[in-house]
Amino acid sequence: MSTLGFQITFFTGEGRRHGHQPMARWLMDTAQRLGIGGATLATAVDGIGRGGRVHSAHFFELADQPVEVTLLVTPVQWEALARELTEAQANVFYAKTPVEFGVLGAPPAAS
């Protein structure tokens, strides 16, 4: 059975922080605390930030390395997450895409 929801991708940098945590780790922890499963954190080699500046991973300095956090969420989970990030003044750029998601070929649930 599939679920209709959203793919949310947050774009940040290795050196960006929210409070005492790296932003990407804070996003992952917030998603987990809200009961959202299926989060993925990925690093990139290069990116262009919302201000037009190029960000990239350098051999000696990784603080500018682009990072993406991707989540698959239901509409209810998205509302809770968006509210949490707004209240925490997270200031993080995101893309939201409608998707259908599910699991294929899973063994039947035990009865």
PDB file of N, CA and C in Angstrom:
ATOM      1  N   MET A   1       0.842  -1.174   0.000  1.00  0.00           N
ATOM      2  CA  MET A   1       0.000   0.000   0.000  1.00  0.00           C
ATOM      3  C   MET A   1       0.891   1.243   0.000  1.00  0.00           C
ATOM      4  N   SER A   2       0.505   2.238  -0.756  1.00  0.00           N
ATOM      5  CA  SER A   2       1.316   3.449  -0.844  1.00  0.00           C
ATOM      6  C   SER A   2       0.671   4.586  -0.048  1.00  0.00           C
ATOM      7  N   THR A   3       1.473   5.601   0.179  1.00  0.00           N
ATOM      8  CA  THR A   3       1.063   6.790   0.920  1.00  0.00           C
ATOM      9  C   THR A   3       1.321   8.011   0.060  1.00  0.00           C
ATOM     10  N   LEU A   4       0.399   8.956   0.066  1.00  0.00           N
ATOM     11  CA  LEU A   4       0.624  10.229  -0.606  1.00  0.00           C
ATOM     12  C   LEU A   4       1.179  11.203   0.410  1.00  0.00           C
ATOM     13  N   GLY A   5       2.217  11.913   0.024  1.00  0.00           N
ATOM     14  CA  GLY A   5       2.849  12.856   0.935  1.00  0.00           C
ATOM     15  C   GLY A   5       3.795  13.764   0.185  1.00  0.00           C
ATOM     16  N   PHE A   6       4.893  14.082   0.819  1.00  0.00           N
ATOM     17  CA  PHE A   6       5.863  15.012   0.245  1.00  0.00           C
ATOM     18  C   PHE A   6       7.280  14.503   0.440  1.00  0.00           C
ATOM     19  N   GLN A   7       8.126  14.816  -0.538  1.00  0.00           N
ATOM     20  CA  GLN A   7       9.564  14.682  -0.353  1.00  0.00           C
ATOM     21  C   GLN A   7      10.060  16.072  -0.019  1.00  0.00           C
ATOM     22  N   ILE A   8      10.674  16.206   1.138  1.00  0.00           N
ATOM     23  CA  ILE A   8      11.218  17.475   1.576  1.00  0.00           C
ATOM     24  C   ILE A   8      12.733  17.352   1.536  1.00  0.00           C
ATOM     25  N   THR A   9      13.383  18.250   0.820  1.00  0.00           N
ATOM     26  CA  THR A   9      14.838  18.264   0.776  1.00  0.00           C
ATOM     27  C   THR A   9      15.314  19.594   1.328  1.00  0.00           C
ATOM     28  N   PHE A  10      16.107  19.525   2.388  1.00  0.00           N
ATOM     29  CA  PHE A  10      16.710  20.719   2.983  1.00  0.00           C
ATOM     30  C   PHE A  10      18.120  20.849   2.445  1.00  0.00           C
ATOM     31  N   PHE A  11      18.511  22.070   2.120  1.00  0.00           N
ATOM     32  CA  PHE A  11      19.844  22.348   1.590  1.00  0.00           C
ATOM     33  C   PHE A  11      20.567  23.234   2.597  1.00  0.00           C
ATOM     34  N   THR A  12      21.732  22.776   3.048  1.00  0.00           N
ATOM     35  CA  THR A  12      22.497  23.536   4.031  1.00  0.00           C
ATOM     36  C   THR A  12      23.977  23.291   3.764  1.00  0.00           C
ATOM     37  N   GLY A  13      24.816  23.671   4.680  1.00  0.00           N
ATOM     38  CA  GLY A  13      26.252  23.469   4.534  1.00  0.00           C
ATOM     39  C   GLY A  13      26.825  22.820   5.770  1.00  0.00           C
ATOM     40  N   GLU A  14      27.922  22.145   5.607  1.00  0.00           N
ATOM     41  CA  GLU A  14      28.576  21.443   6.710  1.00  0.00           C
ATOM     42  C   GLU A  14      28.861  22.377   7.888  1.00  0.00           C
ATOM     43  N   GLY A  15      29.185  23.609   7.612  1.00  0.00           N
ATOM     44  CA  GLY A  15      29.535  24.558   8.670  1.00  0.00           C
ATOM     45  C   GLY A  15      28.354  25.289   9.287  1.00  0.00           C
ATOM     46  N   ARG A  16      27.154  25.164   8.728  1.00  0.00           N
ATOM     47  CA  ARG A  16      25.965  25.833   9.285  1.00  0.00           C
ATOM     48  C   ARG A  16      25.530  25.152  10.558  1.00  0.00           C
ATOM     49  N   ARG A  17      25.169  25.946  11.547  1.00  0.00           N
ATOM     50  CA  ARG A  17      24.769  25.400  12.832  1.00  0.00           C
ATOM     51  C   ARG A  17      23.414  25.946  13.241  1.00  0.00           C
ATOM     52  N   HIS A  18      22.731  25.162  14.056  1.00  0.00           N
ATOM     53  CA  HIS A  18      21.521  25.634  14.728  1.00  0.00           C
ATOM     54  C   HIS A  18      21.774  25.392  16.207  1.00  0.00           C
ATOM     55  N   GLY A  19      21.965  26.462  16.947  1.00  0.00           N
ATOM     56  CA  GLY A  19      22.376  26.316  18.343  1.00  0.00           C
ATOM     57  C   GLY A  19      23.762  25.721  18.389  1.00  0.00           C
ATOM     58  N   HIS A  20      23.917  24.649  19.135  1.00  0.00           N
ATOM     59  CA  HIS A  20      25.236  24.016  19.285  1.00  0.00           C
ATOM     60  C   HIS A  20      25.461  22.859  18.313  1.00  0.00           C
ATOM     61  N   GLN A  21      24.472  22.541  17.464  1.00  0.00           N
ATOM     62  CA  GLN A  21      24.577  21.393  16.557  1.00  0.00           C
ATOM     63  C   GLN A  21      24.730  21.825  15.109  1.00  0.00           C
ATOM     64  N   PRO A  22      25.413  21.005  14.300  1.00  0.00           N
ATOM     65  CA  PRO A  22      25.369  21.249  12.864  1.00  0.00           C
ATOM     66  C   PRO A  22      23.913  21.202  12.389  1.00  0.00           C
ATOM     67  N   MET A  23      23.546  22.084  11.474  1.00  0.00           N
ATOM     68  CA  MET A  23      22.160  22.185  11.007  1.00  0.00           C
ATOM     69  C   MET A  23      21.622  20.849  10.509  1.00  0.00           C
ATOM     70  N   ALA A  24      22.398  20.125   9.707  1.00  0.00           N
ATOM     71  CA  ALA A  24      21.930  18.846   9.153  1.00  0.00           C
ATOM     72  C   ALA A  24      21.630  17.847  10.270  1.00  0.00           C
ATOM     73  N   ARG A  25      22.488  17.773  11.262  1.00  0.00           N
ATOM     74  CA  ARG A  25      22.263  16.856  12.387  1.00  0.00           C
ATOM     75  C   ARG A  25      21.027  17.283  13.172  1.00  0.00           C
ATOM     76  N   TRP A  26      20.850  18.599  13.364  1.00  0.00           N
ATOM     77  CA  TRP A  26      19.686  19.112  14.072  1.00  0.00           C
ATOM     78  C   TRP A  26      18.400  18.755  13.321  1.00  0.00           C
ATOM     79  N   LEU A  27      18.421  18.873  11.982  1.00  0.00           N
ATOM     80  CA  LEU A  27      17.253  18.495  11.179  1.00  0.00           C
ATOM     81  C   LEU A  27      16.943  17.009  11.328  1.00  0.00           C
ATOM     82  N   MET A  28      17.966  16.169  11.277  1.00  0.00           N
ATOM     83  CA  MET A  28      17.773  14.725  11.434  1.00  0.00           C
ATOM     84  C   MET A  28      17.199  14.412  12.815  1.00  0.00           C
ATOM     85  N   ASP A  29      17.758  15.012  13.849  1.00  0.00           N
ATOM     86  CA  ASP A  29      17.281  14.767  15.214  1.00  0.00           C
ATOM     87  C   ASP A  29      15.848  15.258  15.398  1.00  0.00           C
ATOM     88  N   THR A  30      15.524  16.408  14.806  1.00  0.00           N
ATOM     89  CA  THR A  30      14.171  16.952  14.909  1.00  0.00           C
ATOM     90  C   THR A  30      13.178  16.024  14.217  1.00  0.00           C
ATOM     91  N   ALA A  31      13.525  15.538  13.031  1.00  0.00           N
ATOM     92  CA  ALA A  31      12.655  14.602  12.313  1.00  0.00           C
ATOM     93  C   ALA A  31      12.434  13.340  13.144  1.00  0.00           C
ATOM     94  N   GLN A  32      13.488  12.812  13.716  1.00  0.00           N
ATOM     95  CA  GLN A  32      13.363  11.590  14.513  1.00  0.00           C
ATOM     96  C   GLN A  32      12.491  11.840  15.749  1.00  0.00           C
ATOM     97  N   ARG A  33      12.686  12.964  16.410  1.00  0.00           N
ATOM     98  CA  ARG A  33      11.894  13.302  17.596  1.00  0.00           C
ATOM     99  C   ARG A  33      10.411  13.419  17.262  1.00  0.00           C
ATOM    100  N   LEU A  34      10.096  13.886  16.039  1.00  0.00           N
ATOM    101  CA  LEU A  34       8.713  14.023  15.600  1.00  0.00           C
ATOM    102  C   LEU A  34       8.130  12.718  15.059  1.00  0.00           C
ATOM    103  N   GLY A  35       8.922  11.649  15.073  1.00  0.00           N
ATOM    104  CA  GLY A  35       8.436  10.352  14.612  1.00  0.00           C
ATOM    105  C   GLY A  35       8.496  10.162  13.110  1.00  0.00           C
ATOM    106  N   ILE A  36       9.284  10.977  12.441  1.00  0.00           N
ATOM    107  CA  ILE A  36       9.442  10.866  10.990  1.00  0.00           C
ATOM    108  C   ILE A  36      10.579   9.898  10.709  1.00  0.00           C
ATOM    109  N   GLY A  37      10.287   8.824   9.988  1.00  0.00           N
ATOM    110  CA  GLY A  37      11.317   7.865   9.617  1.00  0.00           C
ATOM    111  C   GLY A  37      11.746   8.095   8.180  1.00  0.00           C
ATOM    112  N   GLY A  38      12.843   7.492   7.807  1.00  0.00           N
ATOM    113  CA  GLY A  38      13.260   7.561   6.414  1.00  0.00           C
ATOM    114  C   GLY A  38      14.029   8.806   6.026  1.00  0.00           C
ATOM    115  N   ALA A  39      14.724   9.423   6.953  1.00  0.00           N
ATOM    116  CA  ALA A  39      15.535  10.599   6.624  1.00  0.00           C
ATOM    117  C   ALA A  39      16.895  10.159   6.092  1.00  0.00           C
ATOM    118  N   THR A  40      17.395  10.898   5.115  1.00  0.00           N
ATOM    119  CA  THR A  40      18.713  10.626   4.556  1.00  0.00           C
ATOM    120  C   THR A  40      19.530  11.903   4.531  1.00  0.00           C
ATOM    121  N   LEU A  41      20.768  11.822   4.993  1.00  0.00           N
ATOM    122  CA  LEU A  41      21.692  12.954   4.961  1.00  0.00           C
ATOM    123  C   LEU A  41      22.757  12.628   3.914  1.00  0.00           C
ATOM    124  N   ALA A  42      22.977  13.548   2.981  1.00  0.00           N
ATOM    125  CA  ALA A  42      23.965  13.330   1.926  1.00  0.00           C
ATOM    126  C   ALA A  42      24.825  14.575   1.768  1.00  0.00           C
ATOM    127  N   THR A  43      26.095  14.377   1.524  1.00  0.00           N
ATOM    128  CA  THR A  43      26.994  15.498   1.254  1.00  0.00           C
ATOM    129  C   THR A  43      27.243  15.590  -0.244  1.00  0.00           C
ATOM    130  N   ALA A  44      27.526  16.797  -0.693  1.00  0.00           N
ATOM    131  CA  ALA A  44      27.771  17.033  -2.118  1.00  0.00           C
ATOM    132  C   ALA A  44      29.171  17.619  -2.292  1.00  0.00           C
ATOM    133  N   VAL A  45      29.633  17.641  -3.512  1.00  0.00           N
ATOM    134  CA  VAL A  45      30.945  18.192  -3.817  1.00  0.00           C
ATOM    135  C   VAL A  45      30.856  19.702  -4.022  1.00  0.00           C
ATOM    136  N   ASP A  46      29.845  20.152  -4.768  1.00  0.00           N
ATOM    137  CA  ASP A  46      29.673  21.570  -5.067  1.00  0.00           C
ATOM    138  C   ASP A  46      28.208  21.945  -4.999  1.00  0.00           C
ATOM    139  N   GLY A  47      27.945  23.228  -4.783  1.00  0.00           N
ATOM    140  CA  GLY A  47      26.596  23.749  -4.807  1.00  0.00           C
ATOM    141  C   GLY A  47      26.628  25.265  -4.909  1.00  0.00           C
ATOM    142  N   ILE A  48      25.508  25.851  -5.289  1.00  0.00           N
ATOM    143  CA  ILE A  48      25.366  27.300  -5.326  1.00  0.00           C
ATOM    144  C   ILE A  48      24.294  27.654  -4.313  1.00  0.00           C
ATOM    145  N   GLY A  49      24.651  28.469  -3.335  1.00  0.00           N
ATOM    146  CA  GLY A  49      23.736  28.827  -2.266  1.00  0.00           C
ATOM    147  C   GLY A  49      22.673  29.807  -2.719  1.00  0.00           C
ATOM    148  N   ARG A  50      21.685  30.059  -1.827  1.00  0.00           N
ATOM    149  CA  ARG A  50      20.575  30.953  -2.184  1.00  0.00           C
ATOM    150  C   ARG A  50      21.031  32.370  -2.446  1.00  0.00           C
ATOM    151  N   GLY A  51      22.218  32.736  -1.970  1.00  0.00           N
ATOM    152  CA  GLY A  51      22.764  34.055  -2.252  1.00  0.00           C
ATOM    153  C   GLY A  51      23.603  34.105  -3.520  1.00  0.00           C
ATOM    154  N   GLY A  52      23.700  32.963  -4.235  1.00  0.00           N
ATOM    155  CA  GLY A  52      24.451  32.920  -5.488  1.00  0.00           C
ATOM    156  C   GLY A  52      25.920  32.547  -5.325  1.00  0.00           C
ATOM    157  N   ARG A  53      26.385  32.350  -4.098  1.00  0.00           N
ATOM    158  CA  ARG A  53      27.781  32.010  -3.852  1.00  0.00           C
ATOM    159  C   ARG A  53      28.012  30.506  -4.038  1.00  0.00           C
ATOM    160  N   VAL A  54      29.153  30.139  -4.622  1.00  0.00           N
ATOM    161  CA  VAL A  54      29.519  28.737  -4.817  1.00  0.00           C
ATOM    162  C   VAL A  54      30.054  28.185  -3.495  1.00  0.00           C
ATOM    163  N   HIS A  55      29.545  27.027  -3.126  1.00  0.00           N
ATOM    164  CA  HIS A  55      30.015  26.309  -1.937  1.00  0.00           C
ATOM    165  C   HIS A  55      30.582  24.982  -2.410  1.00  0.00           C
ATOM    166  N   SER A  56      31.712  24.586  -1.846  1.00  0.00           N
ATOM    167  CA  SER A  56      32.304  23.326  -2.284  1.00  0.00           C
ATOM    168  C   SER A  56      33.139  22.710  -1.175  1.00  0.00           C
ATOM    169  N   ALA A  57      33.354  21.401  -1.318  1.00  0.00           N
ATOM    170  CA  ALA A  57      34.215  20.660  -0.405  1.00  0.00           C
ATOM    171  C   ALA A  57      35.651  20.839  -0.876  1.00  0.00           C
ATOM    172  N   HIS A  58      36.486  21.334  -0.010  1.00  0.00           N
ATOM    173  CA  HIS A  58      37.905  21.517  -0.323  1.00  0.00           C
ATOM    174  C   HIS A  58      38.699  20.465   0.446  1.00  0.00           C
ATOM    175  N   PHE A  59      39.849  20.135  -0.061  1.00  0.00           N
ATOM    176  CA  PHE A  59      40.676  19.114   0.565  1.00  0.00           C
ATOM    177  C   PHE A  59      40.999  19.466   2.014  1.00  0.00           C
ATOM    178  N   PHE A  60      41.312  20.724   2.296  1.00  0.00           N
ATOM    179  CA  PHE A  60      41.719  21.121   3.639  1.00  0.00           C
ATOM    180  C   PHE A  60      40.574  21.656   4.492  1.00  0.00           C
ATOM    181  N   GLU A  61      39.474  22.039   3.882  1.00  0.00           N
ATOM    182  CA  GLU A  61      38.379  22.685   4.614  1.00  0.00           C
ATOM    183  C   GLU A  61      37.041  22.145   4.133  1.00  0.00           C
ATOM    184  N   LEU A  62      36.333  21.409   4.998  1.00  0.00           N
ATOM    185  CA  LEU A  62      35.050  20.847   4.622  1.00  0.00           C
ATOM    186  C   LEU A  62      33.875  21.657   5.167  1.00  0.00           C
ATOM    187  N   ALA A  63      34.130  22.737   5.890  1.00  0.00           N
ATOM    188  CA  ALA A  63      33.050  23.513   6.516  1.00  0.00           C
ATOM    189  C   ALA A  63      32.089  24.099   5.491  1.00  0.00           C
ATOM    190  N   ASP A  64      32.531  24.289   4.267  1.00  0.00           N
ATOM    191  CA  ASP A  64      31.691  24.887   3.230  1.00  0.00           C
ATOM    192  C   ASP A  64      31.002  23.831   2.357  1.00  0.00           C
ATOM    193  N   GLN A  65      31.195  22.556   2.682  1.00  0.00           N
ATOM    194  CA  GLN A  65      30.644  21.469   1.875  1.00  0.00           C
ATOM    195  C   GLN A  65      29.120  21.480   1.916  1.00  0.00           C
ATOM    196  N   PRO A  66      28.461  21.433   0.745  1.00  0.00           N
ATOM    197  CA  PRO A  66      27.000  21.381   0.706  1.00  0.00           C
ATOM    198  C   PRO A  66      26.474  20.073   1.307  1.00  0.00           C
ATOM    199  N   VAL A  67      25.336  20.175   2.003  1.00  0.00           N
ATOM    200  CA  VAL A  67      24.705  19.025   2.644  1.00  0.00           C
ATOM    201  C   VAL A  67      23.216  19.059   2.333  1.00  0.00           C
ATOM    202  N   GLU A  68      22.642  17.895   2.043  1.00  0.00           N
ATOM    203  CA  GLU A  68      21.201  17.765   1.828  1.00  0.00           C
ATOM    204  C   GLU A  68      20.627  16.797   2.860  1.00  0.00           C
ATOM    205  N   VAL A  69      19.477  17.141   3.393  1.00  0.00           N
ATOM    206  CA  VAL A  69      18.710  16.235   4.245  1.00  0.00           C
ATOM    207  C   VAL A  69      17.381  16.015   3.536  1.00  0.00           C
ATOM    208  N   THR A  70      17.072  14.765   3.208  1.00  0.00           N
ATOM    209  CA  THR A  70      15.857  14.430   2.481  1.00  0.00           C
ATOM    210  C   THR A  70      14.947  13.569   3.354  1.00  0.00           C
ATOM    211  N   LEU A  71      13.659  13.938   3.372  1.00  0.00           N
ATOM    212  CA  LEU A  71      12.655  13.231   4.165  1.00  0.00           C
ATOM    213  C   LEU A  71      11.451  12.906   3.286  1.00  0.00           C
ATOM    214  N   LEU A  72      10.793  11.805   3.562  1.00  0.00           N
ATOM    215  CA  LEU A  72       9.480  11.513   2.991  1.00  0.00           C
ATOM    216  C   LEU A  72       8.490  11.615   4.137  1.00  0.00           C
ATOM    217  N   VAL A  73       7.488  12.483   3.975  1.00  0.00           N
ATOM    218  CA  VAL A  73       6.570  12.768   5.078  1.00  0.00           C
ATOM    219  C   VAL A  73       5.122  12.769   4.607  1.00  0.00           C
ATOM    220  N   THR A  74       4.234  12.472   5.537  1.00  0.00           N
ATOM    221  CA  THR A  74       2.809  12.624   5.286  1.00  0.00           C
ATOM    222  C   THR A  74       2.462  14.098   5.443  1.00  0.00           C
ATOM    223  N   PRO A  75       1.309  14.531   4.968  1.00  0.00           N
ATOM    224  CA  PRO A  75       0.920  15.929   5.165  1.00  0.00           C
ATOM    225  C   PRO A  75       0.901  16.341   6.643  1.00  0.00           C
ATOM    226  N   VAL A  76       0.447  15.462   7.521  1.00  0.00           N
ATOM    227  CA  VAL A  76       0.414  15.771   8.961  1.00  0.00           C
ATOM    228  C   VAL A  76       1.835  15.932   9.508  1.00  0.00           C
ATOM    229  N   GLN A  77       2.737  15.040   9.101  1.00  0.00           N
ATOM    230  CA  GLN A  77       4.134  15.160   9.541  1.00  0.00           C
ATOM    231  C   GLN A  77       4.768  16.448   9.025  1.00  0.00           C
ATOM    232  N   TRP A  78       4.451  16.830   7.773  1.00  0.00           N
ATOM    233  CA  TRP A  78       4.994  18.063   7.218  1.00  0.00           C
ATOM    234  C   TRP A  78       4.536  19.267   8.035  1.00  0.00           C
ATOM    235  N   GLU A  79       3.262  19.308   8.384  1.00  0.00           N
ATOM    236  CA  GLU A  79       2.748  20.428   9.184  1.00  0.00           C
ATOM    237  C   GLU A  79       3.473  20.527  10.526  1.00  0.00           C
ATOM    238  N   ALA A  80       3.680  19.391  11.186  1.00  0.00           N
ATOM    239  CA  ALA A  80       4.378  19.383  12.472  1.00  0.00           C
ATOM    240  C   ALA A  80       5.831  19.827  12.308  1.00  0.00           C
ATOM    241  N   LEU A  81       6.495  19.340  11.265  1.00  0.00           N
ATOM    242  CA  LEU A  81       7.890  19.698  11.024  1.00  0.00           C
ATOM    243  C   LEU A  81       8.023  21.173  10.674  1.00  0.00           C
ATOM    244  N   ALA A  82       7.169  21.659   9.784  1.00  0.00           N
ATOM    245  CA  ALA A  82       7.230  23.072   9.391  1.00  0.00           C
ATOM    246  C   ALA A  82       6.984  23.979  10.595  1.00  0.00           C
ATOM    247  N   ARG A  83       6.039  23.614  11.434  1.00  0.00           N
ATOM    248  CA  ARG A  83       5.753  24.397  12.644  1.00  0.00           C
ATOM    249  C   ARG A  83       6.983  24.416  13.570  1.00  0.00           C
ATOM    250  N   GLU A  84       7.604  23.245  13.764  1.00  0.00           N
ATOM    251  CA  GLU A  84       8.789  23.124  14.623  1.00  0.00           C
ATOM    252  C   GLU A  84       9.937  23.984  14.102  1.00  0.00           C
ATOM    253  N   LEU A  85      10.206  23.929  12.794  1.00  0.00           N
ATOM    254  CA  LEU A  85      11.307  24.695  12.221  1.00  0.00           C
ATOM    255  C   LEU A  85      11.030  26.194  12.268  1.00  0.00           C
ATOM    256  N   THR A  86       9.781  26.573  12.053  1.00  0.00           N
ATOM    257  CA  THR A  86       9.411  27.991  12.127  1.00  0.00           C
ATOM    258  C   THR A  86       9.589  28.511  13.550  1.00  0.00           C
ATOM    259  N   GLU A  87       9.083  27.770  14.523  1.00  0.00           N
ATOM    260  CA  GLU A  87       9.198  28.191  15.919  1.00  0.00           C
ATOM    261  C   GLU A  87      10.643  28.252  16.382  1.00  0.00           C
ATOM    262  N   ALA A  88      11.482  27.351  15.872  1.00  0.00           N
ATOM    263  CA  ALA A  88      12.896  27.320  16.249  1.00  0.00           C
ATOM    264  C   ALA A  88      13.730  28.302  15.435  1.00  0.00           C
ATOM    265  N   GLN A  89      13.102  29.025  14.509  1.00  0.00           N
ATOM    266  CA  GLN A  89      13.792  29.965  13.618  1.00  0.00           C
ATOM    267  C   GLN A  89      14.997  29.301  12.945  1.00  0.00           C
ATOM    268  N   ALA A  90      14.727  28.141  12.338  1.00  0.00           N
ATOM    269  CA  ALA A  90      15.793  27.340  11.739  1.00  0.00           C
ATOM    270  C   ALA A  90      16.481  28.032  10.564  1.00  0.00           C
ATOM    271  N   ASN A  91      15.773  28.860   9.798  1.00  0.00           N
ATOM    272  CA  ASN A  91      16.359  29.578   8.659  1.00  0.00           C
ATOM    273  C   ASN A  91      17.102  28.628   7.718  1.00  0.00           C
ATOM    274  N   VAL A  92      16.370  27.673   7.174  1.00  0.00           N
ATOM    275  CA  VAL A  92      16.965  26.686   6.278  1.00  0.00           C
ATOM    276  C   VAL A  92      16.127  26.614   5.002  1.00  0.00           C
ATOM    277  N   PHE A  93      16.798  26.536   3.858  1.00  0.00           N
ATOM    278  CA  PHE A  93      16.150  26.473   2.551  1.00  0.00           C
ATOM    279  C   PHE A  93      15.677  25.042   2.293  1.00  0.00           C
ATOM    280  N   TYR A  94      14.494  24.897   1.663  1.00  0.00           N
ATOM    281  CA  TYR A  94      13.958  23.568   1.374  1.00  0.00           C
ATOM    282  C   TYR A  94      13.232  23.556   0.038  1.00  0.00           C
ATOM    283  N   ALA A  95      13.052  22.339  -0.477  1.00  0.00           N
ATOM    284  CA  ALA A  95      12.196  22.091  -1.641  1.00  0.00           C
ATOM    285  C   ALA A  95      11.177  21.043  -1.208  1.00  0.00           C
ATOM    286  N   LYS A  96       9.917  21.242  -1.598  1.00  0.00           N
ATOM    287  CA  LYS A  96       8.817  20.344  -1.222  1.00  0.00           C
ATOM    288  C   LYS A  96       8.152  19.850  -2.499  1.00  0.00           C
ATOM    289  N   THR A  97       8.124  18.520  -2.685  1.00  0.00           N
ATOM    290  CA  THR A  97       7.574  17.914  -3.887  1.00  0.00           C
ATOM    291  C   THR A  97       6.532  16.865  -3.508  1.00  0.00           C
ATOM    292  N   PRO A  98       5.331  16.914  -4.099  1.00  0.00           N
ATOM    293  CA  PRO A  98       4.342  15.863  -3.828  1.00  0.00           C
ATOM    294  C   PRO A  98       4.850  14.516  -4.365  1.00  0.00           C
ATOM    295  N   VAL A  99       4.707  13.464  -3.563  1.00  0.00           N
ATOM    296  CA  VAL A  99       5.158  12.132  -3.969  1.00  0.00           C
ATOM    297  C   VAL A  99       4.205  11.063  -3.447  1.00  0.00           C
ATOM    298  N   GLU A 100       4.301   9.902  -4.051  1.00  0.00           N
ATOM    299  CA  GLU A 100       3.674   8.692  -3.543  1.00  0.00           C
ATOM    300  C   GLU A 100       4.811   7.803  -3.090  1.00  0.00           C
ATOM    301  N   PHE A 101       4.715   7.254  -1.883  1.00  0.00           N
ATOM    302  CA  PHE A 101       5.797   6.385  -1.407  1.00  0.00           C
ATOM    303  C   PHE A 101       5.212   5.166  -0.699  1.00  0.00           C
ATOM    304  N   GLY A 102       6.004   4.109  -0.659  1.00  0.00           N
ATOM    305  CA  GLY A 102       5.581   2.866  -0.022  1.00  0.00           C
ATOM    306  C   GLY A 102       6.672   1.838  -0.092  1.00  0.00           C
ATOM    307  N   VAL A 103       6.330   0.619   0.238  1.00  0.00           N
ATOM    308  CA  VAL A 103       7.277  -0.500   0.231  1.00  0.00           C
ATOM    309  C   VAL A 103       6.713  -1.588  -0.679  1.00  0.00           C
ATOM    310  N   LEU A 104       7.534  -2.108  -1.558  1.00  0.00           N
ATOM    311  CA  LEU A 104       7.151  -3.205  -2.440  1.00  0.00           C
ATOM    312  C   LEU A 104       7.887  -4.467  -2.018  1.00  0.00           C
ATOM    313  N   GLY A 105       7.209  -5.589  -2.132  1.00  0.00           N
ATOM    314  CA  GLY A 105       7.865  -6.869  -1.866  1.00  0.00           C
ATOM    315  C   GLY A 105       8.140  -7.147  -0.413  1.00  0.00           C
ATOM    316  N   ALA A 106       7.455  -6.466   0.494  1.00  0.00           N
ATOM    317  CA  ALA A 106       7.663  -6.723   1.916  1.00  0.00           C
ATOM    318  C   ALA A 106       6.980  -8.016   2.312  1.00  0.00           C
ATOM    319  N   PRO A 107       7.566  -8.744   3.273  1.00  0.00           N
ATOM    320  CA  PRO A 107       6.885  -9.959   3.731  1.00  0.00           C
ATOM    321  C   PRO A 107       5.582  -9.591   4.427  1.00  0.00           C
ATOM    322  N   PRO A 108       4.599 -10.483   4.418  1.00  0.00           N
ATOM    323  CA  PRO A 108       3.325 -10.170   5.076  1.00  0.00           C
ATOM    324  C   PRO A 108       3.530  -9.978   6.572  1.00  0.00           C
ATOM    325  N   ALA A 109       2.724  -9.098   7.149  1.00  0.00           N
ATOM    326  CA  ALA A 109       2.791  -8.843   8.581  1.00  0.00           C
ATOM    327  C   ALA A 109       2.372 -10.093   9.348  1.00  0.00           C
ATOM    328  N   ALA A 110       3.046 -10.342  10.478  1.00  0.00           N
ATOM    329  CA  ALA A 110       2.693 -11.496  11.322  1.00  0.00           C
ATOM    330  C   ALA A 110       1.332 -11.269  11.961  1.00  0.00           C
ATOM    331  N   SER A 111       0.527 -12.332  12.021  1.00  0.00           N
ATOM    332  CA  SER A 111      -0.806 -12.161  12.624  1.00  0.00           C
ATOM    333  C   SER A 111      -0.916 -12.838  13.958  1.00  0.00           C
TER     334      SER A 111
END
